[in-house]
N, C-alpha and C. Protein backbone atom coordinates (compact mmCIF):
# COMPACT_ATOMS: atom_id res chain seq x y z
N SER A 1 -19.99 -42.68 -52.03
CA SER A 1 -20.33 -43.33 -50.78
C SER A 1 -20.21 -42.37 -49.60
N ASP A 2 -19.42 -41.31 -49.77
CA ASP A 2 -19.29 -40.34 -48.68
C ASP A 2 -20.64 -39.73 -48.32
N VAL A 3 -21.42 -39.38 -49.33
CA VAL A 3 -22.73 -38.78 -49.08
C VAL A 3 -23.62 -39.77 -48.34
N LEU A 4 -23.63 -41.02 -48.79
CA LEU A 4 -24.46 -42.03 -48.13
C LEU A 4 -24.00 -42.27 -46.70
N ASP A 5 -22.69 -42.27 -46.49
CA ASP A 5 -22.16 -42.44 -45.13
C ASP A 5 -22.60 -41.30 -44.22
N LEU A 6 -22.61 -40.09 -44.74
CA LEU A 6 -23.03 -38.95 -43.93
C LEU A 6 -24.52 -39.02 -43.61
N PHE A 7 -25.34 -39.42 -44.59
CA PHE A 7 -26.76 -39.62 -44.31
C PHE A 7 -26.93 -40.70 -43.24
N ALA A 8 -26.19 -41.80 -43.38
CA ALA A 8 -26.29 -42.91 -42.43
C ALA A 8 -25.86 -42.49 -41.03
N ALA A 9 -24.95 -41.52 -40.96
CA ALA A 9 -24.48 -41.03 -39.66
C ALA A 9 -25.48 -40.07 -39.02
N GLY A 10 -26.55 -39.75 -39.76
CA GLY A 10 -27.59 -38.92 -39.19
C GLY A 10 -27.56 -37.46 -39.60
N LEU A 11 -26.64 -37.09 -40.49
CA LEU A 11 -26.60 -35.71 -40.94
C LEU A 11 -27.78 -35.41 -41.85
N THR A 12 -28.25 -34.19 -41.80
CA THR A 12 -29.31 -33.75 -42.70
C THR A 12 -28.68 -33.34 -44.03
N ALA A 13 -29.54 -33.17 -45.03
CA ALA A 13 -29.04 -32.71 -46.33
C ALA A 13 -28.34 -31.37 -46.18
N GLU A 14 -28.90 -30.50 -45.37
CA GLU A 14 -28.30 -29.17 -45.18
C GLU A 14 -26.91 -29.29 -44.56
N GLN A 15 -26.75 -30.18 -43.60
CA GLN A 15 -25.45 -30.37 -42.96
C GLN A 15 -24.44 -30.95 -43.94
N ILE A 16 -24.89 -31.88 -44.77
CA ILE A 16 -23.99 -32.46 -45.76
C ILE A 16 -23.53 -31.40 -46.75
N LEU A 17 -24.44 -30.55 -47.17
CA LEU A 17 -24.07 -29.48 -48.10
C LEU A 17 -23.09 -28.50 -47.46
N GLU A 18 -23.19 -28.30 -46.15
CA GLU A 18 -22.22 -27.45 -45.46
C GLU A 18 -20.86 -28.14 -45.40
N GLU A 19 -20.86 -29.46 -45.17
CA GLU A 19 -19.62 -30.23 -45.08
C GLU A 19 -18.93 -30.35 -46.44
N MET A 20 -19.74 -30.38 -47.50
CA MET A 20 -19.22 -30.60 -48.85
C MET A 20 -19.72 -29.48 -49.75
N PRO A 21 -19.12 -28.30 -49.66
CA PRO A 21 -19.64 -27.12 -50.36
C PRO A 21 -19.62 -27.22 -51.89
N ASP A 22 -18.90 -28.17 -52.45
CA ASP A 22 -18.88 -28.33 -53.91
C ASP A 22 -20.15 -29.01 -54.41
N LEU A 23 -20.94 -29.60 -53.50
CA LEU A 23 -22.16 -30.29 -53.90
C LEU A 23 -23.37 -29.37 -53.84
N GLU A 24 -24.38 -29.75 -54.60
CA GLU A 24 -25.67 -29.05 -54.58
C GLU A 24 -26.74 -30.07 -54.19
N ALA A 25 -27.92 -29.59 -53.86
CA ALA A 25 -29.01 -30.47 -53.43
C ALA A 25 -29.29 -31.56 -54.46
N ASN A 26 -29.22 -31.22 -55.74
CA ASN A 26 -29.46 -32.22 -56.78
C ASN A 26 -28.43 -33.34 -56.74
N ASP A 27 -27.22 -33.04 -56.30
CA ASP A 27 -26.18 -34.07 -56.19
C ASP A 27 -26.55 -35.09 -55.12
N LEU A 28 -27.14 -34.62 -54.03
CA LEU A 28 -27.55 -35.54 -52.97
C LEU A 28 -28.66 -36.46 -53.46
N GLN A 29 -29.60 -35.89 -54.18
CA GLN A 29 -30.68 -36.70 -54.75
C GLN A 29 -30.12 -37.73 -55.73
N ALA A 30 -29.16 -37.33 -56.52
CA ALA A 30 -28.55 -38.24 -57.49
C ALA A 30 -27.83 -39.39 -56.78
N ALA A 31 -27.17 -39.10 -55.68
CA ALA A 31 -26.48 -40.15 -54.93
C ALA A 31 -27.47 -41.16 -54.37
N LEU A 32 -28.59 -40.68 -53.86
CA LEU A 32 -29.61 -41.59 -53.32
C LEU A 32 -30.25 -42.41 -54.43
N LEU A 33 -30.52 -41.79 -55.56
CA LEU A 33 -31.12 -42.50 -56.68
C LEU A 33 -30.16 -43.57 -57.20
N TYR A 34 -28.89 -43.24 -57.30
CA TYR A 34 -27.89 -44.20 -57.75
C TYR A 34 -27.84 -45.40 -56.81
N ALA A 35 -27.82 -45.14 -55.51
CA ALA A 35 -27.77 -46.23 -54.54
C ALA A 35 -29.02 -47.10 -54.63
N SER A 36 -30.16 -46.48 -54.80
CA SER A 36 -31.41 -47.22 -54.92
C SER A 36 -31.38 -48.13 -56.15
N ARG A 37 -30.89 -47.62 -57.24
CA ARG A 37 -30.83 -48.43 -58.47
C ARG A 37 -29.82 -49.56 -58.33
N LYS A 38 -28.72 -49.30 -57.65
CA LYS A 38 -27.72 -50.35 -57.44
C LYS A 38 -28.28 -51.47 -56.57
N LEU A 39 -29.17 -51.12 -55.65
CA LEU A 39 -29.79 -52.12 -54.79
C LEU A 39 -30.98 -52.78 -55.47
N ASN A 40 -31.30 -52.31 -56.67
CA ASN A 40 -32.44 -52.81 -57.43
C ASN A 40 -33.73 -52.65 -56.64
N HIS A 41 -33.86 -51.52 -56.00
CA HIS A 41 -35.05 -51.21 -55.21
C HIS A 41 -35.59 -49.88 -55.73
N PRO A 42 -36.29 -49.93 -56.86
CA PRO A 42 -36.74 -48.67 -57.46
C PRO A 42 -37.72 -47.90 -56.58
N VAL A 43 -37.60 -46.60 -56.64
CA VAL A 43 -38.48 -45.70 -55.91
C VAL A 43 -39.08 -44.76 -56.94
N LEU A 44 -40.36 -44.50 -56.81
CA LEU A 44 -41.00 -43.57 -57.73
C LEU A 44 -40.52 -42.16 -57.43
N VAL A 45 -40.02 -41.50 -58.44
CA VAL A 45 -39.54 -40.13 -58.30
C VAL A 45 -40.47 -39.24 -59.10
N PRO A 46 -41.07 -38.24 -58.44
CA PRO A 46 -42.02 -37.37 -59.15
C PRO A 46 -41.36 -36.57 -60.25
């Protein structure tokens, strides 16, 4: 939820990665995909 909270606060992916150096860009995508699935609102992912 920390990642989602940071996105909601207006931070960009780059800023989140600076704040949380243990994460990679794929981790941010995974967090968004997880949240989308939990909300049962599927999004097409290429």
